[in-house]
Amino acid sequence: MQKNPNVIYILADDMGYGDISALNERCPFQTPHLDRIAREGITFTDAHATAAVCTPSRYGILTGRYNWRSRLKSHVVGGYSEPLIEEGRKTVADLFRSQGYRTAMIGKWHLGMNFSRTADFYEKPDFDACTGVDYAGVIRNSPVSNGFDYFFGISASLDMPPYIYIENDRFTEMPDRMTRNTGKKFWREGPTAPGFHHENVLDELTERVCEKIEEYKSSPFFIYFAMPAPHTPILPGERFIGKSGTNEYGDFVLHCDDAVGRIVGKLEEAGLYEDTIVVYTSDNGCSPMADYPELLAKGHNPSYVFRGTKADIYEGGHRIPLLVQWKNGIRGGRRCGQIVCLSDFMATMAELLEVQLPDNMGEDSVSNLPIWRGSDSEVRKDVVHQSIDGSLSIRRGNFKLELCPGSGGWSDPVPGSEDASLPRFQLYNLEEDIGETNNVIGQYPELAKELRDTLKRYVENGRSTPGERQSNNGQRIWETVAWLDEPDDKPLC
């Protein structure tokens, strides 16, 4: 056995907690490959992305830092956007590379990069295709500038142009046509390369992961596979159509499960299965584009018992599936109900590799290694979430304070439509009310204030873990979140 295990981090795009049959006793279809990881590893039942949408949660995974500390205070970046990861900030890929690992990123980046541009370039709103891009030029600040030895994938979501593969710091082809689609197969109009076909992307990227496993098998490696699915365009392969008994989204979930099975099968074929850590998770909850009414009519709820969907401050927005398997290091068949966060990956890997992180790395990352090694003790006292509109919440124990009057996202009540007679903030006891239906802030005003003050301290300290105070980036978040400047004696409800 080599000294350090290989690591493959598989990140689904918009997959709900309830989409894995091992997590959802009422799931109308089976996800056998994901269920196997659950049987042979740890299933986390209270795991959270740092945000309810994809760009910010990916920032949290790779940097170990809450995304709202970056310049992006709400929403997401597009396919042509500037880099979000700050110049000089180290990622978890840098951590692995410093310990002799080969590192590769396959799939959806969605954290911005610098394309070669002409003078007439400007970033258009609503993620539209941009003119003024030199597709033959060098790309700066792609994943290979952020700790990865190799990158193959797309700049953003599969429904955001440009639709051209990037390898390392170059586009692989020149666009030769404009394409678009609608409905569940939606993607925005944009320049498309001759060899790029949306319906083939999941399988082509999965094959690249398998090729990298073969290439890297003689030395420790870290592969970050950011799948573009089951996010729109919802394009299950023909062999999966109708197999879920729900709709195209359920079929696409089965396609994702199959991709995981292909990767695990490759590890077995290469003799690497027992000493490779496989992490499977999602960047946020399921999108309404999956058609919840249609799925519910078929007996399936991607959000399981949780309120809300992708984009929301409610649990359905950010509570995600998290499965971790390592045959040589983790006792299988365990379920863990402790609060954990996807930002914890950096500190967990640092402890595993016996690396002391400097104060300016992983400011919001807490090691989960004690849980991996069998401890039932709490590793994280609290966790902070963010919705698409920038609203924050803080969870401690069973209580969750949401510093907005509604969903902060796409579910009712959407921002701006909230009932003015209701409390402006929400406090829920998740042990008694997992569906977040009974706002108890009026019963626990002191607890709400204590949680608010803790969050305010985390914002102002630039970190939520012990260490030297750090700075936040971009516009000061307290200029965009009014409650941070409120007098201490102002009622929260």
Protein backbone atom coordinates (compact mmCIF):
# COMPACT_ATOMS: atom_id res chain seq x y z
CA MET A 1 0.00 0.00 0.00
CA GLN A 2 1.37 3.40 -0.95
CA LYS A 3 1.85 5.92 1.84
CA ASN A 4 -0.85 8.33 0.72
CA PRO A 5 -4.19 7.25 -0.80
CA ASN A 6 -5.45 8.39 -4.18
CA VAL A 7 -8.45 10.72 -4.04
CA ILE A 8 -11.29 11.08 -6.53
CA TYR A 9 -13.80 13.81 -5.74
CA ILE A 10 -16.99 13.45 -7.81
CA LEU A 11 -19.24 16.49 -7.73
CA ALA A 12 -22.72 16.14 -9.21
CA ASP A 13 -24.39 19.26 -10.56
CA ASP A 14 -27.83 20.00 -9.05
CA MET A 15 -28.50 16.52 -7.64
CA GLY A 16 -30.89 16.47 -4.70
CA TYR A 17 -30.46 14.62 -1.42
CA GLY A 18 -33.46 12.45 -2.28
CA ASP A 19 -32.07 11.33 -5.64
CA ILE A 20 -29.93 8.56 -4.12
CA SER A 21 -31.90 5.48 -3.08
CA ALA A 22 -29.58 4.82 -0.12
CA LEU A 23 -30.69 8.19 1.31
CA ASN A 24 -34.36 8.07 0.35
CA GLU A 25 -36.45 5.09 1.42
CA ARG A 26 -39.24 6.30 -0.89
CA CYS A 27 -37.09 6.74 -3.99
CA PRO A 28 -38.96 5.02 -6.86
CA PHE A 29 -35.73 4.00 -8.59
CA GLN A 30 -32.45 2.46 -7.45
CA THR A 31 -28.97 3.99 -7.75
CA PRO A 32 -26.88 0.81 -7.34
CA HIS A 33 -23.41 2.29 -7.80
CA LEU A 34 -23.98 5.14 -5.37
CA ASP A 35 -25.67 2.75 -2.95
CA ARG A 36 -22.55 0.59 -3.05
CA ILE A 37 -20.40 3.55 -2.00
CA ALA A 38 -22.86 4.15 0.85
CA ARG A 39 -22.61 0.50 1.93
CA GLU A 40 -18.84 0.43 1.79
CA GLY A 41 -18.19 3.88 3.24
CA ILE A 42 -19.80 6.65 5.30
CA THR A 43 -23.14 8.22 4.46
CA PHE A 44 -23.43 11.75 5.83
CA THR A 45 -27.04 12.73 6.49
CA ASP A 46 -26.44 16.33 7.63
CA ALA A 47 -23.95 17.57 5.02
CA HIS A 48 -24.14 21.00 3.41
CA ALA A 49 -22.78 23.00 0.52
CA THR A 50 -21.68 26.51 1.50
CA ALA A 51 -24.28 27.94 -0.88
CA ALA A 52 -27.44 26.90 -2.67
CA VAL A 53 -26.04 27.51 -6.17
CA CYS A 54 -23.06 26.20 -8.04
CA THR A 55 -20.32 28.83 -8.46
CA PRO A 56 -20.13 29.77 -4.78
CA SER A 57 -20.32 26.20 -3.51
CA ARG A 58 -17.46 25.18 -5.84
CA TYR A 59 -15.39 28.05 -4.48
CA GLY A 60 -16.00 26.71 -0.97
CA ILE A 61 -14.95 23.17 -1.90
CA LEU A 62 -11.68 24.16 -3.55
CA THR A 63 -10.60 26.93 -1.15
CA GLY A 64 -12.01 25.78 2.19
CA ARG A 65 -13.41 29.30 2.56
CA TYR A 66 -16.97 30.55 2.70
CA ASN A 67 -17.85 31.83 -0.75
CA TRP A 68 -19.33 35.12 0.47
CA ARG A 69 -15.83 36.19 1.51
CA SER A 70 -14.97 36.38 -2.20
CA ARG A 71 -16.01 39.28 -4.44
CA LEU A 72 -19.15 37.30 -5.39
CA LYS A 73 -21.81 38.24 -2.83
CA SER A 74 -24.76 36.63 -4.63
CA HIS A 75 -25.72 34.60 -7.72
CA VAL A 76 -23.16 32.89 -10.02
CA VAL A 77 -20.60 33.73 -12.68
CA GLY A 78 -20.99 32.87 -16.35
CA GLY A 79 -19.04 31.09 -19.05
CA TYR A 80 -17.11 34.25 -19.99
CA SER A 81 -16.63 35.69 -16.49
CA GLU A 82 -13.45 36.82 -14.80
CA PRO A 83 -11.79 34.40 -12.33
CA LEU A 84 -13.38 34.23 -8.89
CA ILE A 85 -10.51 32.52 -7.07
CA GLU A 86 -8.22 35.33 -5.98
CA GLU A 87 -4.69 35.72 -7.30
CA GLY A 88 -2.35 33.89 -4.93
CA ARG A 89 -5.06 31.96 -3.08
CA LYS A 90 -4.15 28.30 -2.68
CA THR A 91 -6.64 25.55 -3.45
CA VAL A 92 -6.95 21.99 -2.24
CA ALA A 93 -5.26 20.99 -5.52
CA ASP A 94 -2.22 23.05 -4.47
CA LEU A 95 -2.26 21.17 -1.16
CA PHE A 96 -2.19 17.81 -2.92
CA ARG A 97 0.47 18.89 -5.39
CA SER A 98 2.71 20.07 -2.54
CA GLN A 99 2.64 16.50 -1.22
CA GLY A 100 3.73 14.90 -4.48
CA TYR A 101 0.30 14.15 -5.95
CA ARG A 102 -0.53 14.40 -9.62
CA THR A 103 -3.65 16.51 -9.95
CA ALA A 104 -6.33 16.66 -12.63
CA MET A 105 -9.63 18.45 -13.01
CA ILE A 106 -12.22 17.06 -15.42
CA GLY A 107 -15.56 18.68 -16.16
CA LYS A 108 -17.37 21.89 -15.25
CA TRP A 109 -15.16 24.66 -13.81
CA HIS A 110 -17.64 27.55 -13.40
CA LEU A 111 -15.26 29.73 -11.40
CA GLY A 112 -14.27 32.11 -14.17
CA MET A 113 -11.15 32.35 -16.32
CA ASN A 114 -9.53 34.87 -18.66
CA PHE A 115 -10.10 34.20 -22.35
CA SER A 116 -8.03 36.01 -24.96
CA ARG A 117 -10.08 39.02 -25.95
CA THR A 118 -10.26 41.77 -28.51
CA ALA A 119 -10.99 45.39 -27.64
CA ASP A 120 -14.73 45.05 -28.27
CA PHE A 121 -15.29 42.37 -25.62
CA TYR A 122 -17.77 42.97 -22.84
CA GLU A 123 -19.58 40.43 -20.69
CA LYS A 124 -23.23 40.32 -21.66
CA PRO A 125 -26.00 39.91 -19.07
CA ASP A 126 -27.91 36.68 -18.45
CA PHE A 127 -24.90 34.58 -19.48
CA ASP A 128 -25.40 35.29 -23.16
CA ALA A 129 -22.71 34.50 -25.72
CA CYS A 130 -20.04 37.21 -25.92
CA THR A 131 -18.33 38.61 -28.97
CA GLY A 132 -14.71 39.76 -28.91
CA VAL A 133 -13.22 36.39 -27.88
CA ASP A 134 -10.14 34.94 -29.57
CA TYR A 135 -10.85 31.21 -29.40
CA ALA A 136 -7.35 30.47 -30.73
CA GLY A 137 -5.66 32.34 -27.89
CA VAL A 138 -4.22 31.25 -24.55
CA ILE A 139 -6.60 31.07 -21.61
CA ARG A 140 -5.27 32.46 -18.34
CA ASN A 141 -6.35 31.46 -14.83
CA SER A 142 -7.92 28.18 -15.86
CA PRO A 143 -7.68 25.22 -13.44
CA VAL A 144 -4.02 24.70 -14.43
CA SER A 145 -3.31 28.04 -12.75
CA ASN A 146 -5.09 26.84 -9.60
CA GLY A 147 -3.15 23.76 -8.57
CA PHE A 148 -4.16 21.29 -11.27
CA ASP A 149 -1.58 19.68 -13.54
CA TYR A 150 -4.23 18.92 -16.13
CA PHE A 151 -7.68 20.19 -17.09
CA PHE A 152 -10.22 18.99 -19.60
CA GLY A 153 -13.73 20.34 -19.54
CA ILE A 154 -15.99 23.34 -19.98
CA SER A 155 -15.84 26.87 -18.62
CA ALA A 156 -19.24 26.87 -16.88
CA SER A 157 -22.55 24.99 -16.87
CA LEU A 158 -23.54 22.93 -19.88
CA ASP A 159 -26.35 25.42 -20.57
CA MET A 160 -23.96 28.41 -20.67
CA PRO A 161 -21.84 29.23 -23.74
CA PRO A 162 -19.25 28.74 -25.08
CA TYR A 163 -19.84 25.09 -25.98
CA ILE A 164 -16.24 24.12 -26.67
CA TYR A 165 -13.97 21.83 -24.70
CA ILE A 166 -10.91 23.35 -23.05
CA GLU A 167 -7.73 21.34 -22.49
CA ASN A 168 -5.34 22.94 -20.03
CA ASP A 169 -5.20 26.56 -21.26
CA ARG A 170 -6.53 26.26 -24.84
CA PHE A 171 -9.82 25.61 -26.56
CA THR A 172 -9.60 22.30 -28.39
CA GLU A 173 -11.52 23.52 -31.45
CA MET A 174 -12.84 26.66 -33.06
CA PRO A 175 -16.62 27.19 -33.01
CA ASP A 176 -18.34 26.62 -36.33
CA ARG A 177 -22.03 27.08 -35.48
CA MET A 178 -24.52 28.54 -33.01
CA THR A 179 -26.80 26.13 -31.14
CA ARG A 180 -29.58 26.40 -28.59
CA ASN A 181 -32.32 24.26 -27.07
CA THR A 182 -35.45 24.58 -24.94
CA GLY A 183 -37.51 22.72 -22.33
CA LYS A 184 -35.74 20.27 -20.03
CA LYS A 185 -33.04 20.08 -22.71
CA PHE A 186 -32.45 23.81 -22.37
CA TRP A 187 -29.20 25.50 -23.22
CA ARG A 188 -28.63 29.13 -24.16
CA GLU A 189 -27.71 30.09 -27.69
CA GLY A 190 -23.97 30.11 -28.14
CA PRO A 191 -20.92 29.25 -30.25
CA THR A 192 -20.42 25.50 -30.53
CA ALA A 193 -17.45 23.46 -31.72
CA PRO A 194 -17.90 20.85 -34.47
CA GLY A 195 -17.02 17.99 -32.12
CA PHE A 196 -19.14 19.22 -29.21
CA HIS A 197 -22.50 17.53 -28.72
CA HIS A 198 -24.30 18.22 -25.47
CA GLU A 199 -25.82 14.76 -25.22
CA ASN A 200 -22.35 13.14 -25.29
CA VAL A 201 -20.60 15.34 -22.72
CA LEU A 202 -21.25 13.31 -19.55
CA ASP A 203 -19.94 10.10 -21.11
CA GLU A 204 -16.97 11.82 -22.76
CA LEU A 205 -15.90 13.42 -19.50
CA THR A 206 -16.34 10.17 -17.60
CA GLU A 207 -14.07 8.46 -20.12
CA ARG A 208 -11.44 11.17 -19.56
CA VAL A 209 -11.52 10.42 -15.83
CA CYS A 210 -10.96 6.73 -16.53
CA GLU A 211 -8.05 7.59 -18.84
CA LYS A 212 -6.44 9.72 -16.13
CA ILE A 213 -6.79 6.90 -13.59
CA GLU A 214 -4.86 4.66 -15.98
CA GLU A 215 -2.23 7.33 -16.67
CA TYR A 216 -1.73 8.28 -13.02
CA LYS A 217 -1.96 4.82 -11.43
CA SER A 218 1.76 4.55 -10.60
CA SER A 219 1.76 7.56 -8.25
CA PRO A 220 -0.69 9.14 -5.80
CA PHE A 221 -3.25 11.29 -7.58
CA PHE A 222 -6.13 13.67 -6.95
CA ILE A 223 -8.84 13.84 -9.57
CA TYR A 224 -11.64 16.38 -9.22
CA PHE A 225 -14.49 15.31 -11.49
CA ALA A 226 -17.15 18.04 -11.67
CA MET A 227 -19.95 16.37 -13.60
CA PRO A 228 -22.19 18.63 -15.72
CA ALA A 229 -25.25 16.56 -14.73
CA PRO A 230 -28.08 16.21 -13.84
CA HIS A 231 -28.14 20.02 -14.38
CA THR A 232 -29.80 21.29 -17.54
CA PRO A 233 -29.71 20.39 -20.32
CA ILE A 234 -31.35 17.22 -18.99
CA LEU A 235 -30.09 14.73 -21.56
CA PRO A 236 -30.09 11.12 -20.36
CA GLY A 237 -28.45 8.66 -22.68
CA GLU A 238 -30.81 6.60 -24.81
CA ARG A 239 -30.12 3.51 -22.72
CA PHE A 240 -31.54 5.26 -19.62
CA ILE A 241 -34.69 6.79 -21.11
CA GLY A 242 -37.74 5.53 -19.22
CA LYS A 243 -35.66 3.47 -16.77
CA SER A 244 -36.40 5.56 -13.66
CA GLY A 245 -40.18 5.41 -13.98
CA THR A 246 -40.32 9.15 -13.30
CA ASN A 247 -39.26 11.61 -16.02
CA GLU A 248 -36.14 12.60 -17.96
CA TYR A 249 -34.55 14.02 -14.82
CA GLY A 250 -34.85 10.72 -12.96
CA ASP A 251 -33.41 8.97 -16.01
CA PHE A 252 -30.49 11.43 -16.00
CA VAL A 253 -29.83 10.64 -12.33
CA LEU A 254 -29.47 6.98 -13.37
CA HIS A 255 -27.01 8.08 -16.07
CA CYS A 256 -24.97 9.86 -13.37
CA ASP A 257 -25.05 6.74 -11.23
CA ASP A 258 -23.75 4.75 -14.19
CA ALA A 259 -20.87 7.23 -14.64
CA VAL A 260 -19.88 6.66 -11.02
CA GLY A 261 -20.01 2.90 -11.61
CA ARG A 262 -17.67 3.23 -14.59
CA ILE A 263 -15.13 5.14 -12.49
CA VAL A 264 -15.26 2.70 -9.59
CA GLY A 265 -14.98 -0.17 -12.06
CA LYS A 266 -11.86 1.43 -13.54
CA LEU A 267 -10.33 1.69 -10.06
CA GLU A 268 -10.95 -2.03 -9.56
CA GLU A 269 -9.50 -2.87 -12.97
CA ALA A 270 -6.36 -0.82 -12.17
CA GLY A 271 -5.93 -2.44 -8.74
CA LEU A 272 -6.52 0.90 -6.99
CA TYR A 273 -9.95 0.37 -5.48
CA GLU A 274 -8.96 -0.36 -1.88
CA ASP A 275 -6.54 2.53 -1.49
CA THR A 276 -8.49 5.27 -3.23
CA ILE A 277 -10.75 7.68 -1.39
CA VAL A 278 -13.93 8.25 -3.40
CA VAL A 279 -16.03 11.25 -2.41
CA TYR A 280 -19.43 11.72 -4.01
CA THR A 281 -21.54 14.79 -3.39
CA SER A 282 -23.52 17.57 -5.08
CA ASP A 283 -22.92 21.30 -5.35
CA ASN A 284 -26.45 22.21 -4.16
CA GLY A 285 -30.00 20.92 -4.20
CA CYS A 286 -32.07 19.90 -7.20
CA SER A 287 -33.22 22.60 -9.62
CA PRO A 288 -36.91 23.30 -10.33
CA MET A 289 -36.00 22.60 -13.98
CA ALA A 290 -36.32 18.92 -13.05
CA ASP A 291 -40.11 19.57 -12.93
CA TYR A 292 -41.03 18.84 -9.31
CA PRO A 293 -44.79 18.53 -9.97
CA GLU A 294 -44.14 15.89 -12.62
CA LEU A 295 -41.72 14.03 -10.34
CA LEU A 296 -44.02 14.24 -7.31
CA ALA A 297 -46.85 12.77 -9.38
CA LYS A 298 -44.55 9.79 -9.96
CA GLY A 299 -43.77 9.48 -6.25
CA HIS A 300 -40.37 11.14 -6.26
CA ASN A 301 -39.15 14.22 -4.36
CA PRO A 302 -35.51 15.13 -5.11
CA SER A 303 -35.49 17.31 -1.96
CA TYR A 304 -36.59 14.33 0.19
CA VAL A 305 -38.31 15.72 3.33
CA PHE A 306 -36.64 19.13 3.12
CA ARG A 307 -38.23 22.43 2.17
CA GLY A 308 -37.13 24.22 -0.97
CA THR A 309 -34.89 23.59 -3.94
CA LYS A 310 -31.66 24.81 -5.44
CA ALA A 311 -31.13 28.56 -4.76
CA ASP A 312 -33.05 28.59 -1.43
CA ILE A 313 -31.87 29.26 2.10
CA TYR A 314 -34.07 26.34 3.14
CA GLU A 315 -32.57 22.87 3.59
CA GLY A 316 -33.53 21.73 0.11
CA GLY A 317 -31.18 24.37 -1.27
CA HIS A 318 -27.96 23.32 0.43
CA ARG A 319 -28.36 19.98 2.27
CA ILE A 320 -26.74 17.59 -0.12
CA PRO A 321 -25.80 13.91 -0.42
CA LEU A 322 -22.27 13.16 0.77
CA LEU A 323 -20.80 9.67 0.52
CA VAL A 324 -17.16 8.88 1.34
CA GLN A 325 -15.53 5.51 0.69
CA TRP A 326 -11.99 4.32 1.42
CA LYS A 327 -11.68 0.58 1.82
CA ASN A 328 -8.27 0.73 3.50
CA GLY A 329 -9.12 3.65 5.78
CA ILE A 330 -12.85 3.85 6.55
CA ARG A 331 -15.07 1.21 8.14
CA GLY A 332 -17.99 0.80 5.79
CA GLY A 333 -21.72 0.79 6.33
CA ARG A 334 -21.79 3.79 8.66
CA ARG A 335 -24.25 6.67 8.76
CA CYS A 336 -23.17 9.95 10.33
CA GLY A 337 -25.65 12.58 11.52
CA GLN A 338 -23.04 15.18 12.49
CA ILE A 339 -23.09 18.59 10.78
CA VAL A 340 -20.40 18.79 8.09
CA CYS A 341 -19.76 21.15 5.20
CA LEU A 342 -18.18 20.74 1.76
CA SER A 343 -15.65 23.43 2.71
CA ASP A 344 -14.26 20.86 5.18
CA PHE A 345 -12.51 18.89 2.44
CA MET A 346 -9.35 21.00 2.61
CA ALA A 347 -8.80 20.66 6.37
CA THR A 348 -9.66 16.96 6.24
CA MET A 349 -7.06 16.32 3.57
CA ALA A 350 -4.50 18.49 5.36
CA GLU A 351 -4.87 16.45 8.54
CA LEU A 352 -4.73 13.18 6.60
CA LEU A 353 -1.52 14.29 4.86
CA GLU A 354 -0.12 15.76 8.11
CA VAL A 355 0.10 19.29 6.71
CA GLN A 356 -0.36 22.36 8.88
CA LEU A 357 -2.40 24.89 6.93
CA PRO A 358 -1.28 28.53 7.12
CA ASP A 359 -3.77 31.07 8.46
CA ASN A 360 -4.71 32.22 4.94
CA MET A 361 -5.81 28.78 3.74
CA GLY A 362 -9.04 26.99 4.63
CA GLU A 363 -10.37 29.74 6.89
CA ASP A 364 -13.75 27.99 7.13
CA SER A 365 -12.60 24.39 6.85
CA VAL A 366 -12.90 21.88 9.70
CA SER A 367 -11.32 18.43 9.53
CA ASN A 368 -13.76 15.54 9.31
CA LEU A 369 -10.95 12.99 9.70
CA PRO A 370 -12.02 12.03 13.25
CA ILE A 371 -15.39 10.95 11.82
CA TRP A 372 -13.68 8.99 9.07
CA ARG A 373 -11.65 7.21 11.73
CA GLY A 374 -14.72 6.19 13.69
CA SER A 375 -15.41 9.00 16.16
CA ASP A 376 -19.00 10.06 16.83
CA SER A 377 -17.87 13.35 18.36
CA GLU A 378 -18.95 16.70 16.95
CA VAL A 379 -16.36 18.26 14.64
CA ARG A 380 -18.27 21.40 13.70
CA LYS A 381 -20.24 23.60 16.12
CA ASP A 382 -22.03 25.50 13.39
CA VAL A 383 -22.24 26.07 9.66
CA VAL A 384 -23.15 29.09 7.52
CA HIS A 385 -25.27 28.87 4.37
CA GLN A 386 -26.05 31.33 1.58
CA SER A 387 -28.97 31.55 -0.86
CA ILE A 388 -28.75 32.82 -4.43
CA ASP A 389 -29.73 36.38 -3.48
CA GLY A 390 -26.93 36.58 -0.89
CA SER A 391 -29.02 35.95 2.23
CA LEU A 392 -27.16 34.13 4.99
CA SER A 393 -28.17 31.63 7.64
CA ILE A 394 -26.34 30.00 10.51
CA ARG A 395 -27.03 26.57 11.95
CA ARG A 396 -25.96 25.38 15.39
CA GLY A 397 -27.22 22.10 16.75
CA ASN A 398 -30.89 21.75 15.93
CA PHE A 399 -31.50 25.48 15.45
CA LYS A 400 -31.11 27.39 12.21
CA LEU A 401 -31.39 31.17 11.95
CA GLU A 402 -32.20 32.51 8.48
CA LEU A 403 -31.55 36.22 8.11
CA CYS A 404 -34.24 36.84 5.53
CA PRO A 405 -38.05 36.69 5.62
CA GLY A 406 -38.49 34.17 2.80
CA SER A 407 -36.60 31.64 0.69
CA GLY A 408 -33.89 34.01 -0.56
CA GLY A 409 -34.18 31.98 -3.73
CA TRP A 410 -36.70 30.52 -6.17
CA SER A 411 -39.30 28.94 -3.87
CA ASP A 412 -42.19 30.82 -2.32
CA PRO A 413 -41.94 33.27 -0.74
CA VAL A 414 -39.43 34.61 -3.24
CA PRO A 415 -37.49 37.76 -2.37
CA GLY A 416 -39.76 40.79 -2.53
CA SER A 417 -43.01 38.84 -2.21
CA GLU A 418 -42.86 38.12 1.52
CA ASP A 419 -45.78 39.00 3.80
CA ALA A 420 -44.79 42.25 5.53
CA SER A 421 -46.65 41.21 8.70
CA LEU A 422 -44.39 38.20 9.24
CA PRO A 423 -41.05 38.33 11.14
CA ARG A 424 -38.17 39.60 9.02
CA PHE A 425 -35.96 36.67 10.10
CA GLN A 426 -36.66 32.97 10.60
CA LEU A 427 -35.59 30.51 13.29
CA TYR A 428 -36.36 26.82 12.99
CA ASN A 429 -35.85 23.84 15.29
CA LEU A 430 -34.91 21.20 12.73
CA GLU A 431 -35.24 18.35 15.22
CA GLU A 432 -38.95 19.07 15.63
CA ASP A 433 -39.61 20.76 12.29
CA ILE A 434 -37.39 19.44 9.52
CA GLY A 435 -39.73 20.98 6.95
CA GLU A 436 -39.07 24.51 8.28
CA THR A 437 -42.75 25.38 8.64
CA ASN A 438 -42.92 26.84 12.17
CA ASN A 439 -40.88 29.99 12.72
CA VAL A 440 -40.02 30.02 16.45
CA ILE A 441 -37.98 33.23 16.53
CA GLY A 442 -40.55 34.84 18.81
CA GLN A 443 -40.04 32.04 21.36
CA TYR A 444 -36.23 32.19 21.34
CA PRO A 445 -35.18 35.82 20.79
CA GLU A 446 -32.00 35.48 22.85
CA LEU A 447 -30.88 32.38 20.95
CA ALA A 448 -31.56 34.16 17.66
CA LYS A 449 -29.48 37.12 18.78
CA GLU A 450 -26.66 34.84 19.90
CA LEU A 451 -26.59 33.12 16.51
CA ARG A 452 -26.74 36.46 14.69
CA ASP A 453 -23.84 37.78 16.75
CA THR A 454 -21.79 34.64 16.06
CA LEU A 455 -22.31 35.06 12.34
CA LYS A 456 -21.42 38.74 12.55
CA ARG A 457 -18.17 37.81 14.31
CA TYR A 458 -17.36 35.26 11.60
CA VAL A 459 -17.88 37.89 8.93
CA GLU A 460 -15.75 40.51 10.65
CA ASN A 461 -12.92 38.09 11.54
CA GLY A 462 -12.58 36.82 7.98
CA ARG A 463 -12.72 33.26 9.30
CA SER A 464 -14.86 30.90 11.40
CA THR A 465 -12.00 28.69 12.60
CA PRO A 466 -9.19 29.48 15.07
CA GLY A 467 -6.35 31.52 13.61
CA GLU A 468 -5.19 34.98 12.71
CA ARG A 469 -7.84 37.41 11.51
CA GLN A 470 -8.18 37.58 7.71
CA SER A 471 -9.72 39.99 5.23
CA ASN A 472 -12.78 39.44 3.07
CA ASN A 473 -12.59 40.31 -0.62
CA GLY A 474 -14.55 42.66 -2.80
CA GLN A 475 -17.27 44.94 -1.50
CA ARG A 476 -17.57 44.63 2.26
CA ILE A 477 -20.38 42.17 2.87
CA TRP A 478 -21.82 44.33 5.65
CA GLU A 479 -22.55 47.00 3.06
CA THR A 480 -24.90 44.59 1.30
CA VAL A 481 -26.39 42.87 4.36
CA ALA A 482 -28.17 45.49 6.44
CA TRP A 483 -28.53 43.50 9.67
CA LEU A 484 -24.75 43.54 10.23
CA ASP A 485 -24.92 47.26 11.02
CA GLU A 486 -28.04 47.17 13.14
CA PRO A 487 -27.95 48.20 16.83
CA ASP A 488 -27.60 45.24 19.16
CA ASP A 489 -30.92 46.04 20.86
CA LYS A 490 -33.00 46.01 17.65
CA PRO A 491 -35.43 43.06 17.77
CA LEU A 492 -34.73 40.33 15.21
CA CYS A 493 -38.40 39.48 14.77
